[in-house]
C-alpha atoms as a PDB file:
ATOM      1  CA  MET A   1     -23.424  11.643 -56.106  1.00  0.00           C
ATOM      2  CA  ILE A   2     -19.866  11.035 -56.795  1.00  0.00           C
ATOM      3  CA  THR A   3     -19.737  10.695 -52.881  1.00  0.00           C
ATOM      4  CA  LEU A   4     -22.856   8.435 -52.859  1.00  0.00           C
ATOM      5  CA  ALA A   5     -21.450   6.433 -55.917  1.00  0.00           C
ATOM      6  CA  THR A   6     -17.869   6.111 -54.103  1.00  0.00           C
ATOM      7  CA  ALA A   7     -19.373   4.605 -50.355  1.00  0.00           C
ATOM      8  CA  ARG A   8     -21.937   1.787 -53.160  1.00  0.00           C
ATOM      9  CA  ARG A   9     -18.531   0.621 -54.197  1.00  0.00           C
ATOM     10  CA  ILE A  10     -17.093   0.202 -50.680  1.00  0.00           C
ATOM     11  CA  LEU A  11     -19.750  -1.213 -49.445  1.00  0.00           C
ATOM     12  CA  ALA A  12     -20.464  -3.349 -51.272  1.00  0.00           C
ATOM     13  CA  GLN A  13     -16.337  -4.258 -52.112  1.00  0.00           C
ATOM     14  CA  LEU A  14     -16.686  -5.505 -48.001  1.00  0.00           C
ATOM     15  CA  ARG A  15     -20.376  -7.016 -47.990  1.00  0.00           C
ATOM     16  CA  ASN A  16     -17.461  -9.734 -50.068  1.00  0.00           C
ATOM     17  CA  ASP A  17     -15.009  -8.932 -47.866  1.00  0.00           C
ATOM     18  CA  HIS A  18     -16.093 -11.684 -44.966  1.00  0.00           C
ATOM     19  CA  ARG A  19     -12.729 -11.662 -42.994  1.00  0.00           C
ATOM     20  CA  THR A  20     -12.552  -7.725 -42.756  1.00  0.00           C
ATOM     21  CA  VAL A  21     -15.925  -7.234 -41.802  1.00  0.00           C
ATOM     22  CA  ALA A  22     -15.571  -9.680 -38.731  1.00  0.00           C
ATOM     23  CA  LEU A  23     -12.108  -7.839 -38.068  1.00  0.00           C
ATOM     24  CA  MET A  24     -14.448  -4.724 -37.768  1.00  0.00           C
ATOM     25  CA  VAL A  25     -17.241  -4.990 -36.153  1.00  0.00           C
ATOM     26  CA  LEU A  26     -16.598  -8.572 -34.164  1.00  0.00           C
ATOM     27  CA  VAL A  27     -12.982  -7.484 -32.798  1.00  0.00           C
ATOM     28  CA  PRO A  28     -13.537  -4.568 -30.513  1.00  0.00           C
ATOM     29  CA  SER A  29     -16.387  -6.497 -28.339  1.00  0.00           C
ATOM     30  CA  LEU A  30     -14.012 -10.086 -28.465  1.00  0.00           C
ATOM     31  CA  ILE A  31     -11.160  -7.188 -27.617  1.00  0.00           C
ATOM     32  CA  MET A  32     -13.573  -6.126 -24.838  1.00  0.00           C
ATOM     33  CA  ILE A  33     -15.329  -9.577 -23.132  1.00  0.00           C
ATOM     34  CA  LEU A  34     -11.316 -11.168 -23.054  1.00  0.00           C
ATOM     35  CA  LEU A  35     -10.139  -8.650 -20.574  1.00  0.00           C
ATOM     36  CA  TYR A  36     -12.829  -8.570 -19.102  1.00  0.00           C
ATOM     37  CA  TYR A  37     -12.045 -12.190 -17.738  1.00  0.00           C
ATOM     38  CA  VAL A  38      -8.451 -11.616 -17.746  1.00  0.00           C
ATOM     39  CA  ILE A  39      -9.094  -7.558 -15.051  1.00  0.00           C
ATOM     40  CA  ASP A  40     -12.244 -10.826 -13.138  1.00  0.00           C
ATOM     41  CA  ASN A  41     -12.253  -7.725 -11.360  1.00  0.00           C
ATOM     42  CA  GLU A  42     -16.268  -5.230 -12.148  1.00  0.00           C
ATOM     43  CA  PRO A  43     -15.213  -2.029 -10.437  1.00  0.00           C
ATOM     44  CA  VAL A  44     -11.546  -2.340 -12.205  1.00  0.00           C
ATOM     45  CA  PHE A  45     -12.961  -3.058 -14.551  1.00  0.00           C
ATOM     46  CA  ALA A  46     -15.495  -0.115 -14.617  1.00  0.00           C
ATOM     47  CA  GLN A  47     -12.539   2.113 -14.480  1.00  0.00           C
ATOM     48  CA  TRP A  48     -11.114   1.134 -17.734  1.00  0.00           C
ATOM     49  CA  ALA A  49     -14.030   0.253 -19.363  1.00  0.00           C
ATOM     50  CA  PRO A  50     -14.503   4.090 -20.811  1.00  0.00           C
ATOM     51  CA  ALA A  51     -10.614   3.691 -22.495  1.00  0.00           C
ATOM     52  CA  LEU A  52     -11.156   1.030 -23.498  1.00  0.00           C
ATOM     53  CA  LEU A  53     -14.776   1.773 -25.549  1.00  0.00           C
ATOM     54  CA  SER A  54     -12.057   4.365 -26.931  1.00  0.00           C
ATOM     55  CA  ILE A  55      -9.090   2.481 -27.531  1.00  0.00           C
ATOM     56  CA  PHE A  56      -9.947  -0.341 -30.227  1.00  0.00           C
ATOM     57  CA  PRO A  57     -12.520   0.795 -32.301  1.00  0.00           C
ATOM     58  CA  PHE A  58     -10.563   3.390 -33.062  1.00  0.00           C
ATOM     59  CA  LEU A  59      -7.734   1.194 -33.198  1.00  0.00           C
ATOM     60  CA  VAL A  60      -9.367  -1.063 -35.822  1.00  0.00           C
ATOM     61  CA  MET A  61     -10.429   1.292 -37.774  1.00  0.00           C
ATOM     62  CA  PHE A  62      -7.193   2.774 -38.212  1.00  0.00           C
ATOM     63  CA  LEU A  63      -5.632  -0.248 -39.647  1.00  0.00           C
ATOM     64  CA  VAL A  64      -8.041  -1.697 -42.073  1.00  0.00           C
ATOM     65  CA  THR A  65      -9.100   1.439 -43.725  1.00  0.00           C
ATOM     66  CA  SER A  66      -5.061   2.215 -44.065  1.00  0.00           C
ATOM     67  CA  ILE A  67      -4.383  -0.756 -45.580  1.00  0.00           C
ATOM     68  CA  ALA A  68      -7.807  -1.029 -47.786  1.00  0.00           C
ATOM     69  CA  THR A  69      -6.957   2.573 -49.045  1.00  0.00           C
ATOM     70  CA  LEU A  70      -3.370   1.765 -50.243  1.00  0.00           C
ATOM     71  CA  ARG A  71      -5.142  -0.793 -52.350  1.00  0.00           C
ATOM     72  CA  GLU A  72      -6.920   1.224 -54.347  1.00  0.00           C
ATOM     73  CA  ARG A  73      -3.418   2.631 -54.377  1.00  0.00           C
ATOM     74  CA  THR A  74      -1.534  -0.766 -55.576  1.00  0.00           C
ATOM     75  CA  SER A  75      -4.110  -2.157 -57.532  1.00  0.00           C
ATOM     76  CA  GLY A  76      -4.570   0.804 -59.615  1.00  0.00           C
ATOM     77  CA  THR A  77      -7.740   0.811 -59.181  1.00  0.00           C
ATOM     78  CA  LEU A  78      -7.342   4.909 -57.710  1.00  0.00           C
ATOM     79  CA  GLU A  79      -5.375   5.569 -61.014  1.00  0.00           C
ATOM     80  CA  ARG A  80      -8.252   5.012 -62.867  1.00  0.00           C
ATOM     81  CA  LEU A  81     -11.378   6.186 -61.022  1.00  0.00           C
ATOM     82  CA  MET A  82      -9.247   9.426 -60.965  1.00  0.00           C
ATOM     83  CA  ALA A  83      -9.352   9.476 -65.098  1.00  0.00           C
ATOM     84  CA  SER A  84     -13.196  10.543 -64.318  1.00  0.00           C
ATOM     85  CA  PRO A  85     -14.969  13.111 -62.463  1.00  0.00           C
ATOM     86  CA  LEU A  86     -13.591  11.834 -58.850  1.00  0.00           C
ATOM     87  CA  ARG A  87     -11.367  14.235 -57.237  1.00  0.00           C
ATOM     88  CA  GLN A  88      -9.864  12.691 -53.694  1.00  0.00           C
ATOM     89  CA  LEU A  89     -11.361  14.386 -51.227  1.00  0.00           C
ATOM     90  CA  ASP A  90     -14.672  13.217 -53.110  1.00  0.00           C
ATOM     91  CA  LEU A  91     -12.741   9.036 -52.508  1.00  0.00           C
ATOM     92  CA  LEU A  92     -11.796   9.968 -49.174  1.00  0.00           C
ATOM     93  CA  LEU A  93     -15.634  11.130 -48.422  1.00  0.00           C
ATOM     94  CA  GLY A  94     -16.594   8.248 -49.678  1.00  0.00           C
ATOM     95  CA  TYR A  95     -14.403   6.020 -47.502  1.00  0.00           C
ATOM     96  CA  GLY A  96     -15.884   7.826 -44.358  1.00  0.00           C
ATOM     97  CA  LEU A  97     -19.591   7.134 -45.352  1.00  0.00           C
ATOM     98  CA  ALA A  98     -18.279   3.903 -45.625  1.00  0.00           C
ATOM     99  CA  PHE A  99     -16.217   2.895 -43.255  1.00  0.00           C
ATOM    100  CA  GLY A 100     -18.469   5.304 -40.380  1.00  0.00           C
ATOM    101  CA  ALA A 101     -21.918   2.966 -41.912  1.00  0.00           C
ATOM    102  CA  ALA A 102     -19.750  -0.226 -40.397  1.00  0.00           C
ATOM    103  CA  ALA A 103     -18.771   1.620 -37.872  1.00  0.00           C
ATOM    104  CA  VAL A 104     -22.442   2.528 -36.563  1.00  0.00           C
ATOM    105  CA  LEU A 105     -22.486  -2.006 -36.131  1.00  0.00           C
ATOM    106  CA  GLN A 106     -18.844  -2.415 -34.479  1.00  0.00           C
ATOM    107  CA  VAL A 107     -19.770   0.813 -31.600  1.00  0.00           C
ATOM    108  CA  ALA A 108     -23.653  -0.786 -31.647  1.00  0.00           C
ATOM    109  CA  LEU A 109     -22.499  -4.485 -31.204  1.00  0.00           C
ATOM    110  CA  ALA A 110     -19.212  -3.300 -28.365  1.00  0.00           C
ATOM    111  CA  LEU A 111     -21.624  -1.289 -26.576  1.00  0.00           C
ATOM    112  CA  THR A 112     -24.877  -4.066 -26.368  1.00  0.00           C
ATOM    113  CA  VAL A 113     -22.159  -6.698 -25.359  1.00  0.00           C
ATOM    114  CA  SER A 114     -19.936  -4.084 -22.268  1.00  0.00           C
ATOM    115  CA  LEU A 115     -24.257  -2.863 -21.295  1.00  0.00           C
ATOM    116  CA  THR A 116     -25.620  -6.307 -20.898  1.00  0.00           C
ATOM    117  CA  TRP A 117     -22.877  -9.149 -20.935  1.00  0.00           C
ATOM    118  CA  LEU A 118     -19.985  -7.213 -19.244  1.00  0.00           C
ATOM    119  CA  GLY A 119     -22.741  -5.358 -16.988  1.00  0.00           C
ATOM    120  CA  LEU A 120     -20.644  -1.439 -17.191  1.00  0.00           C
ATOM    121  CA  ASP A 121     -22.754   0.878 -14.991  1.00  0.00           C
ATOM    122  CA  LEU A 122     -23.707   3.507 -17.253  1.00  0.00           C
ATOM    123  CA  ARG A 123     -24.046   6.741 -15.640  1.00  0.00           C
ATOM    124  CA  GLY A 124     -24.834   9.263 -18.152  1.00  0.00           C
ATOM    125  CA  ASP A 125     -26.908   8.775 -21.426  1.00  0.00           C
ATOM    126  CA  LEU A 126     -26.870   6.188 -24.014  1.00  0.00           C
ATOM    127  CA  TRP A 127     -26.654   8.905 -26.770  1.00  0.00           C
ATOM    128  CA  ALA A 128     -24.198  10.831 -25.780  1.00  0.00           C
ATOM    129  CA  LEU A 129     -22.167   6.955 -25.312  1.00  0.00           C
ATOM    130  CA  VAL A 130     -22.868   6.088 -29.016  1.00  0.00           C
ATOM    131  CA  LEU A 131     -21.440   9.657 -30.236  1.00  0.00           C
ATOM    132  CA  VAL A 132     -18.433   9.576 -28.863  1.00  0.00           C
ATOM    133  CA  ALA A 133     -17.801   5.684 -30.081  1.00  0.00           C
ATOM    134  CA  LEU A 134     -19.073   6.605 -33.746  1.00  0.00           C
ATOM    135  CA  LEU A 135     -16.719   9.900 -33.307  1.00  0.00           C
ATOM    136  CA  ASN A 136     -13.913   7.611 -32.085  1.00  0.00           C
ATOM    137  CA  SER A 137     -14.195   4.949 -34.738  1.00  0.00           C
ATOM    138  CA  LEU A 138     -14.239   7.855 -37.247  1.00  0.00           C
ATOM    139  CA  LEU A 139     -11.784   9.483 -35.824  1.00  0.00           C
ATOM    140  CA  GLY A 140      -9.725   6.362 -36.486  1.00  0.00           C
ATOM    141  CA  THR A 141     -10.569   5.832 -40.180  1.00  0.00           C
ATOM    142  CA  ALA A 142     -10.174   9.780 -40.934  1.00  0.00           C
ATOM    143  CA  LEU A 143      -6.682   9.040 -39.122  1.00  0.00           C
ATOM    144  CA  GLY A 144      -6.150   5.769 -40.977  1.00  0.00           C
ATOM    145  CA  LEU A 145      -6.436   7.229 -44.687  1.00  0.00           C
ATOM    146  CA  PHE A 146      -4.521  10.406 -43.829  1.00  0.00           C
ATOM    147  CA  CYS A 147      -1.820   7.341 -43.303  1.00  0.00           C
ATOM    148  CA  SER A 148      -2.487   5.912 -45.955  1.00  0.00           C
ATOM    149  CA  ALA A 149      -0.976   8.469 -48.178  1.00  0.00           C
ATOM    150  CA  PHE A 150       2.232   8.043 -46.742  1.00  0.00           C
ATOM    151  CA  ALA A 151       2.505   4.410 -47.217  1.00  0.00           C
ATOM    152  CA  ARG A 152       4.053   2.279 -49.986  1.00  0.00           C
ATOM    153  CA  SER A 153       3.174  -1.328 -49.195  1.00  0.00           C
ATOM    154  CA  GLU A 154       1.035  -2.321 -46.363  1.00  0.00           C
ATOM    155  CA  PHE A 155       3.596  -3.000 -44.316  1.00  0.00           C
ATOM    156  CA  GLN A 156       4.358   0.440 -44.045  1.00  0.00           C
ATOM    157  CA  ALA A 157       0.541   1.474 -43.483  1.00  0.00           C
ATOM    158  CA  VAL A 158       1.217  -0.735 -40.504  1.00  0.00           C
ATOM    159  CA  GLN A 159       4.753   0.723 -38.749  1.00  0.00           C
ATOM    160  CA  PHE A 160       2.144   3.917 -39.014  1.00  0.00           C
ATOM    161  CA  MET A 161      -0.417   2.104 -36.127  1.00  0.00           C
ATOM    162  CA  PRO A 162       2.202   3.378 -33.344  1.00  0.00           C
ATOM    163  CA  LEU A 163       3.390   5.886 -34.671  1.00  0.00           C
ATOM    164  CA  VAL A 164      -0.031   7.409 -34.411  1.00  0.00           C
ATOM    165  CA  MET A 165      -1.342   5.477 -31.547  1.00  0.00           C
ATOM    166  CA  VAL A 166       1.245   5.272 -28.841  1.00  0.00           C
ATOM    167  CA  PRO A 167       2.306   9.248 -28.373  1.00  0.00           C
ATOM    168  CA  GLN A 168      -1.570   8.965 -27.416  1.00  0.00           C
ATOM    169  CA  LEU A 169      -1.988   5.787 -26.117  1.00  0.00           C
ATOM    170  CA  LEU A 170       0.635   7.757 -23.265  1.00  0.00           C
ATOM    171  CA  LEU A 171      -0.226  11.118 -23.223  1.00  0.00           C
ATOM    172  CA  GLY A 172      -3.971  10.529 -23.666  1.00  0.00           C
ATOM    173  CA  GLY A 173      -4.537  10.563 -19.812  1.00  0.00           C
ATOM    174  CA  ILE A 174      -4.893   7.128 -19.158  1.00  0.00           C
ATOM    175  CA  ILE A 175      -1.561   6.120 -17.303  1.00  0.00           C
ATOM    176  CA  VAL A 176      -0.764   9.582 -15.637  1.00  0.00           C
ATOM    177  CA  PRO A 177      -3.644  13.093 -15.473  1.00  0.00           C
ATOM    178  CA  ARG A 178      -2.847  15.510 -17.949  1.00  0.00           C
ATOM    179  CA  ASP A 179      -2.783  17.402 -16.012  1.00  0.00           C
ATOM    180  CA  GLN A 180       0.077  15.437 -13.346  1.00  0.00           C
ATOM    181  CA  MET A 181       2.507  15.524 -15.985  1.00  0.00           C
ATOM    182  CA  ALA A 182       5.534  17.463 -17.530  1.00  0.00           C
ATOM    183  CA  THR A 183       4.529  21.137 -18.436  1.00  0.00           C
ATOM    184  CA  VAL A 184       6.112  20.077 -22.707  1.00  0.00           C
ATOM    185  CA  LEU A 185       4.151  16.525 -22.181  1.00  0.00           C
ATOM    186  CA  GLU A 186       1.093  18.199 -21.337  1.00  0.00           C
ATOM    187  CA  TRP A 187       1.077  20.709 -24.098  1.00  0.00           C
ATOM    188  CA  ILE A 188       1.312  17.614 -26.008  1.00  0.00           C
ATOM    189  CA  SER A 189      -1.522  15.857 -25.232  1.00  0.00           C
ATOM    190  CA  ASN A 190      -3.996  19.070 -25.218  1.00  0.00           C
ATOM    191  CA  VAL A 191      -2.784  18.874 -29.565  1.00  0.00           C
ATOM    192  CA  LEU A 192      -3.691  15.631 -30.217  1.00  0.00           C
ATOM    193  CA  PRO A 193      -7.094  14.401 -30.370  1.00  0.00           C
ATOM    194  CA  MET A 194      -7.780  11.131 -28.744  1.00  0.00           C
ATOM    195  CA  SER A 195      -6.998  13.159 -25.609  1.00  0.00           C
ATOM    196  CA  TYR A 196     -10.360  14.126 -25.511  1.00  0.00           C
ATOM    197  CA  ALA A 197     -12.002  11.474 -27.186  1.00  0.00           C
ATOM    198  CA  LEU A 198     -10.635   9.325 -23.784  1.00  0.00           C
ATOM    199  CA  GLU A 199     -12.350  12.670 -22.078  1.00  0.00           C
ATOM    200  CA  ALA A 200     -14.964  12.394 -23.629  1.00  0.00           C
ATOM    201  CA  MET A 201     -16.164   8.664 -23.139  1.00  0.00           C
ATOM    202  CA  LYS A 202     -15.370   9.174 -19.377  1.00  0.00           C
ATOM    203  CA  LEU A 203     -17.584  11.682 -19.082  1.00  0.00           C
ATOM    204  CA  ALA A 204     -20.614   9.925 -20.741  1.00  0.00           C
ATOM    205  CA  VAL A 205     -20.363   6.974 -19.209  1.00  0.00           C
ATOM    206  CA  VAL A 206     -20.340   8.286 -15.566  1.00  0.00           C
ATOM    207  CA  SER A 207     -21.214  11.549 -15.737  1.00  0.00           C
ATOM    208  CA  GLY A 208     -24.607  12.120 -15.939  1.00  0.00           C
ATOM    209  CA  ASP A 209     -24.171  16.015 -16.370  1.00  0.00           C
ATOM    210  CA  LEU A 210     -23.203  16.674 -19.689  1.00  0.00           C
ATOM    211  CA  GLY A 211     -21.710  20.236 -19.836  1.00  0.00           C
ATOM    212  CA  SER A 212     -19.022  22.467 -21.085  1.00  0.00           C
ATOM    213  CA  ASP A 213     -16.308  20.366 -21.215  1.00  0.00           C
ATOM    214  CA  PHE A 214     -18.570  17.662 -23.206  1.00  0.00           C
ATOM    215  CA  TRP A 215     -19.238  19.526 -26.067  1.00  0.00           C
ATOM    216  CA  ARG A 216     -16.581  21.018 -26.087  1.00  0.00           C
ATOM    217  CA  ASP A 217     -14.175  17.606 -26.144  1.00  0.00           C
ATOM    218  CA  ILE A 218     -16.947  16.373 -28.774  1.00  0.00           C
ATOM    219  CA  ALA A 219     -16.233  19.960 -31.138  1.00  0.00           C
ATOM    220  CA  VAL A 220     -12.070  18.744 -31.076  1.00  0.00           C
ATOM    221  CA  VAL A 221     -13.026  15.703 -31.964  1.00  0.00           C
ATOM    222  CA  ALA A 222     -14.840  16.338 -34.486  1.00  0.00           C
ATOM    223  CA  GLY A 223     -12.531  18.566 -35.681  1.00  0.00           C
ATOM    224  CA  SER A 224      -9.420  16.001 -35.994  1.00  0.00           C
ATOM    225  CA  VAL A 225     -11.743  13.846 -38.090  1.00  0.00           C
ATOM    226  CA  LEU A 226     -12.384  16.201 -41.092  1.00  0.00           C
ATOM    227  CA  LEU A 227      -9.053  17.973 -40.844  1.00  0.00           C
ATOM    228  CA  ALA A 228      -7.504  14.454 -41.521  1.00  0.00           C
ATOM    229  CA  LEU A 229     -10.563  14.084 -44.675  1.00  0.00           C
ATOM    230  CA  VAL A 230      -9.245  17.954 -45.901  1.00  0.00           C
ATOM    231  CA  LEU A 231      -4.901  16.744 -44.853  1.00  0.00           C
ATOM    232  CA  GLY A 232      -5.844  13.037 -46.620  1.00  0.00           C
ATOM    233  CA  ALA A 233      -6.857  14.920 -49.570  1.00  0.00           C
ATOM    234  CA  ALA A 234      -4.513  17.260 -50.546  1.00  0.00           C
ATOM    235  CA  THR A 235      -1.879  14.238 -49.290  1.00  0.00           C
ATOM    236  CA  LEU A 236      -4.064  11.085 -51.553  1.00  0.00           C
ATOM    237  CA  LYS A 237      -1.381  10.347 -54.375  1.00  0.00           C
ATOM    238  CA  ARG A 238      -2.528   8.720 -57.855  1.00  0.00           C
ATOM    239  CA  ARG A 239      -0.665   5.716 -57.518  1.00  0.00           C
ATOM    240  CA  THR A 240       1.981   3.251 -55.551  1.00  0.00           C
ATOM    241  CA  PRO A 241       4.661   3.977 -57.341  1.00  0.00           C
END
């Protein structure tokens, strides 16, 4: 009940923050449209689309949630909440539910635009594509909540974005296939959740036969979401000094 009450409170705050809602829901779709016309080549865009559908929702949700959680601390809201029966895990699960609802809208719009306007050829099942895209958004949310515990200002929260994103993009198999990397880099890639998110998205788009590799990737991403939430609850401070 405490978790649900927290989620309702955050959703009420989001409802009055139109710019943040627009950032979460509209920006991934707008960037997809922009890159479609920049590339101006449907076969090439189709190759990049799975990666784009994984990266942009992850990036936006990471940025928004890390800053939103930091504001709870710097404004003193979190310290007042923690004086109640609310626990750190209740707060983070409430954030996860609230931003998960926003992620549903974000994913629905991005996929609708990609499959209709941008003409993305979906050979797999739509439900698999929705599942992977939603998990990617939740992964960005969970990592944003976790990293916000180590930031003292909004500027520091933003600085975590390249620290979290760049290694996962470089080692996730977008530029060079993971099995062609140096052995050490491949080992690092194997422990980064985005590697599995990108692979699962690729399988969901181009494969009509989802096998054990797909479900392994789904399990790793879902487990990473839960792990990030638990670690975030363990490291969350009541307020920022």
